[in-house]
Amino acid sequence: MFPDICRATLLNASGKVIEHGAASVSVKDKSVDFSCGFVPILKFGANVKIICTVHGHPTHIFSGSVFLSSPSLLRVVSVECTMLPGAENVLYIASSVAGNVIIPYSGQRRRFIKKTAHCVVTGISTQKLTFKAPRSELDLSGTFFIALKEPVFTRESKIMVKALNNGLLFGSSVRCECEIVSIGIPAVKELIEFVRDKNIETVSELLVKE
């Protein structure tokens, strides 16, 4: 959905900014913990709002009542969530989507060869993705492609990526975090829809019913 701890702004019921800090959301408990250098003490049961941001973009508004207020922590319970327009452009979601790593390279005499390996994309956004794959001799030092189809795309599409590291080894598998270099317009539209749908699914119990 968004990071375990994200930047956030605390407001009173009328929308006046109280403080800037960080928030941690528990969908299961329908609560939000807000913290900063010094949290103003608020009355038990007071209605407040917390706006979460990712990369400077507001993504969600959580509204609820104060359950715990101390100089270091404010806990808001019985929260309802509003997902803001454009949030899907910056949100990073957990996933489990099968795909293929494709690493093209050119040999002598204009022969074009490629290496492939199966992978599972474990997290994705419009800017980056993370995948795990069996340990192999694949060279992840340059740009390469991750090929995905359903449920992300209606037809197989290739995302050009660049590894942010050479992969972290975990036993017989490797985990690699990548920056998305390029993706076709039709594919990116489907990716945005996928991210939004998955996020709505995650916070569905908290969403304000229209």
Protein backbone atom coordinates (compact mmCIF):
# COMPACT_ATOMS: atom_id res chain seq x y z
CA MET A 1 0.00 0.00 0.00
CA PHE A 2 2.55 2.56 1.22
CA PRO A 3 5.67 2.30 3.38
CA ASP A 4 5.32 0.83 6.88
CA ILE A 5 6.06 4.35 8.10
CA CYS A 6 5.21 7.26 5.80
CA ARG A 7 5.38 11.02 6.03
CA ALA A 8 2.16 12.48 7.33
CA THR A 9 0.37 15.65 8.41
CA LEU A 10 -1.94 15.81 11.42
CA LEU A 11 -5.01 18.08 11.16
CA ASN A 12 -7.96 18.83 13.40
CA ALA A 13 -11.54 18.09 12.33
CA SER A 14 -11.87 21.45 10.58
CA GLY A 15 -8.72 20.88 8.51
CA LYS A 16 -6.24 23.07 10.40
CA VAL A 17 -2.69 21.70 10.41
CA ILE A 18 -1.54 20.67 13.89
CA GLU A 19 1.83 19.04 13.17
CA HIS A 20 3.98 17.28 10.54
CA GLY A 21 5.50 13.90 11.29
CA ALA A 22 5.21 10.22 10.40
CA ALA A 23 2.35 7.73 10.43
CA SER A 24 2.01 3.97 10.67
CA VAL A 25 -1.27 2.43 9.52
CA SER A 26 -2.82 -0.81 10.79
CA VAL A 27 -5.69 -1.88 8.53
CA LYS A 28 -6.37 -4.85 10.79
CA ASP A 29 -6.83 -2.70 13.91
CA LYS A 30 -8.37 0.23 11.97
CA SER A 31 -5.88 2.55 13.63
CA VAL A 32 -3.13 5.02 12.77
CA ASP A 33 -0.15 5.91 14.95
CA PHE A 34 1.24 9.42 14.43
CA SER A 35 4.62 10.50 15.79
CA CYS A 36 7.02 13.44 15.55
CA GLY A 37 9.57 15.27 17.70
CA PHE A 38 6.84 16.49 19.99
CA VAL A 39 3.18 15.54 19.56
CA PRO A 40 0.67 18.08 20.90
CA ILE A 41 -1.57 16.55 23.58
CA LEU A 42 -5.12 16.16 22.27
CA LYS A 43 -8.33 15.36 24.07
CA PHE A 44 -9.49 11.72 24.19
CA GLY A 45 -12.17 11.20 21.54
CA ALA A 46 -11.28 14.32 19.54
CA ASN A 47 -11.82 13.94 15.80
CA VAL A 48 -8.68 14.36 13.69
CA LYS A 49 -7.40 13.71 10.19
CA ILE A 50 -4.05 12.34 9.06
CA ILE A 51 -2.86 12.87 5.48
CA CYS A 52 -0.23 10.37 4.33
CA THR A 53 2.22 11.30 1.57
CA VAL A 54 4.59 9.28 -0.61
CA HIS A 55 7.38 11.11 -2.46
CA GLY A 56 5.64 14.36 -1.55
CA HIS A 57 2.32 13.30 -3.10
CA PRO A 58 -0.75 13.03 -0.81
CA THR A 59 -2.14 9.50 -1.14
CA HIS A 60 -4.67 8.90 1.68
CA ILE A 61 -6.66 10.78 4.27
CA PHE A 62 -7.42 8.89 7.48
CA SER A 63 -10.15 10.27 9.72
CA GLY A 64 -10.84 8.99 13.23
CA SER A 65 -10.88 9.74 16.94
CA VAL A 66 -8.03 10.09 19.42
CA PHE A 67 -7.53 7.02 21.61
CA LEU A 68 -4.07 7.75 23.01
CA SER A 69 -2.23 11.07 23.22
CA SER A 70 1.27 11.53 24.60
CA PRO A 71 4.23 13.79 23.76
CA SER A 72 5.72 11.00 21.62
CA LEU A 73 2.71 9.23 20.10
CA LEU A 74 -0.86 9.86 19.01
CA ARG A 75 -3.08 6.87 18.27
CA VAL A 76 -6.21 7.38 16.20
CA VAL A 77 -8.82 4.61 16.08
CA SER A 78 -12.06 3.80 14.24
CA VAL A 79 -10.42 5.30 11.16
CA GLU A 80 -11.99 5.72 7.76
CA CYS A 81 -9.87 6.17 4.64
CA THR A 82 -10.20 8.25 1.51
CA MET A 83 -7.81 7.39 -1.32
CA LEU A 84 -6.79 10.54 -3.16
CA PRO A 85 -6.67 10.95 -6.97
CA GLY A 86 -3.26 10.15 -8.44
CA ALA A 87 -2.14 8.08 -5.45
CA GLU A 88 -1.63 5.07 -7.71
CA ASN A 89 1.16 6.94 -9.52
CA VAL A 90 3.44 6.83 -6.45
CA LEU A 91 2.24 3.85 -4.39
CA TYR A 92 4.36 0.71 -4.16
CA ILE A 93 2.39 -2.47 -3.53
CA ALA A 94 3.25 -6.02 -2.55
CA SER A 95 2.50 -8.61 -5.21
CA SER A 96 3.20 -12.17 -6.28
CA VAL A 97 3.19 -12.18 -10.07
CA ALA A 98 5.04 -14.75 -12.19
CA GLY A 99 7.16 -13.41 -15.02
CA ASN A 100 10.45 -13.74 -16.87
CA VAL A 101 13.76 -11.93 -16.69
CA ILE A 102 15.06 -11.25 -20.21
CA ILE A 103 18.65 -10.06 -20.63
CA PRO A 104 19.54 -9.31 -24.27
CA TYR A 105 23.10 -8.90 -25.44
CA SER A 106 24.79 -8.74 -28.83
CA GLY A 107 27.49 -11.14 -29.88
CA GLN A 108 29.91 -10.99 -32.77
CA ARG A 109 28.78 -10.68 -36.40
CA ARG A 110 25.50 -9.03 -35.38
CA ARG A 111 24.14 -12.13 -33.73
CA PHE A 112 21.65 -11.21 -31.04
CA ILE A 113 21.35 -13.59 -28.11
CA LYS A 114 19.25 -13.38 -25.00
CA LYS A 115 19.17 -15.13 -21.66
CA THR A 116 15.96 -15.70 -19.75
CA ALA A 117 14.96 -16.91 -16.31
CA HIS A 118 11.67 -17.31 -14.48
CA CYS A 119 10.98 -14.84 -11.69
CA VAL A 120 8.29 -13.66 -9.29
CA VAL A 121 7.64 -9.93 -8.97
CA THR A 122 7.14 -9.34 -5.24
CA GLY A 123 6.51 -5.59 -5.34
CA ILE A 124 5.76 -3.00 -7.99
CA SER A 125 4.95 0.66 -8.62
CA THR A 126 5.17 2.92 -11.65
CA GLN A 127 8.78 3.74 -10.70
CA LYS A 128 10.29 0.50 -9.43
CA LEU A 129 9.78 -3.22 -8.97
CA THR A 130 11.33 -6.00 -6.93
CA PHE A 131 11.64 -9.60 -8.06
CA LYS A 132 13.08 -12.86 -6.84
CA ALA A 133 14.48 -15.61 -9.04
CA PRO A 134 16.56 -18.78 -8.73
CA ARG A 135 20.29 -18.14 -8.51
CA SER A 136 21.79 -18.17 -12.00
CA GLU A 137 24.53 -16.69 -14.13
CA LEU A 138 22.37 -13.81 -15.32
CA ASP A 139 24.21 -10.49 -15.57
CA LEU A 140 22.12 -7.79 -13.90
CA SER A 141 24.64 -4.98 -14.35
CA GLY A 142 22.92 -3.29 -17.31
CA THR A 143 19.37 -2.68 -18.42
CA PHE A 144 17.16 -5.69 -19.02
CA PHE A 145 13.49 -6.60 -19.23
CA ILE A 146 10.87 -8.10 -16.96
CA ALA A 147 8.07 -9.71 -18.99
CA LEU A 148 4.67 -9.90 -17.28
CA LYS A 149 1.14 -10.71 -18.29
CA GLU A 150 -2.03 -11.33 -16.28
CA PRO A 151 -3.01 -10.15 -13.74
CA VAL A 152 -0.96 -6.99 -14.41
CA PHE A 153 -1.36 -6.86 -18.19
CA THR A 154 -4.00 -8.32 -20.50
CA ARG A 155 -1.23 -9.43 -22.86
CA GLU A 156 2.44 -10.03 -22.20
CA SER A 157 4.32 -6.74 -21.89
CA LYS A 158 7.99 -6.02 -21.25
CA ILE A 159 9.19 -3.48 -18.71
CA MET A 160 12.74 -2.19 -19.18
CA VAL A 161 14.48 -2.00 -15.80
CA LYS A 162 17.86 -1.31 -14.25
CA ALA A 163 18.96 -3.09 -11.09
CA LEU A 164 19.60 -0.85 -8.08
CA ASN A 165 21.87 -3.58 -6.75
CA ASN A 166 23.31 -6.80 -8.13
CA GLY A 167 20.80 -8.86 -6.18
CA LEU A 168 20.75 -10.08 -2.59
CA LEU A 169 21.29 -13.79 -2.16
CA PHE A 170 18.86 -15.84 -0.06
CA GLY A 171 19.85 -19.50 -0.21
CA SER A 172 18.99 -20.76 -3.67
CA SER A 173 17.31 -17.52 -4.78
CA VAL A 174 18.23 -13.92 -5.48
CA ARG A 175 16.19 -10.80 -4.67
CA CYS A 176 16.68 -7.74 -6.83
CA GLU A 177 15.24 -4.22 -6.58
CA CYS A 178 15.00 -2.37 -9.88
CA GLU A 179 14.26 1.08 -11.23
CA ILE A 180 11.77 1.12 -14.13
CA VAL A 181 13.53 2.74 -17.10
CA SER A 182 10.72 2.60 -19.66
CA ILE A 183 7.32 1.06 -20.26
CA GLY A 184 4.86 1.44 -23.14
CA ILE A 185 1.88 3.78 -22.77
CA PRO A 186 -0.82 1.06 -23.00
CA ALA A 187 1.10 -1.05 -20.46
CA VAL A 188 1.65 1.78 -17.98
CA LYS A 189 -2.07 2.53 -17.97
CA GLU A 190 -2.79 -1.08 -17.05
CA LEU A 191 -0.04 -1.00 -14.40
CA ILE A 192 -1.58 2.11 -12.81
CA GLU A 193 -4.98 0.40 -12.72
CA PHE A 194 -3.43 -2.72 -11.18
CA VAL A 195 -1.69 -0.71 -8.44
CA ARG A 196 -4.87 1.23 -7.67
CA ASP A 197 -7.07 -1.89 -7.56
CA LYS A 198 -4.63 -3.71 -5.26
CA ASN A 199 -4.43 -0.73 -2.94
CA ILE A 200 -8.21 -0.38 -2.79
CA GLU A 201 -8.40 -4.08 -2.00
CA THR A 202 -5.90 -3.63 0.85
CA VAL A 203 -7.76 -0.75 2.53
CA SER A 204 -11.28 -1.77 1.48
CA GLU A 205 -12.43 -2.21 5.11
CA LEU A 206 -11.52 1.41 5.84
CA LEU A 207 -12.72 3.15 2.69
CA VAL A 208 -15.38 5.80 3.03
CA LYS A 209 -18.51 4.49 1.30
CA GLU A 210 -19.72 6.87 -1.38
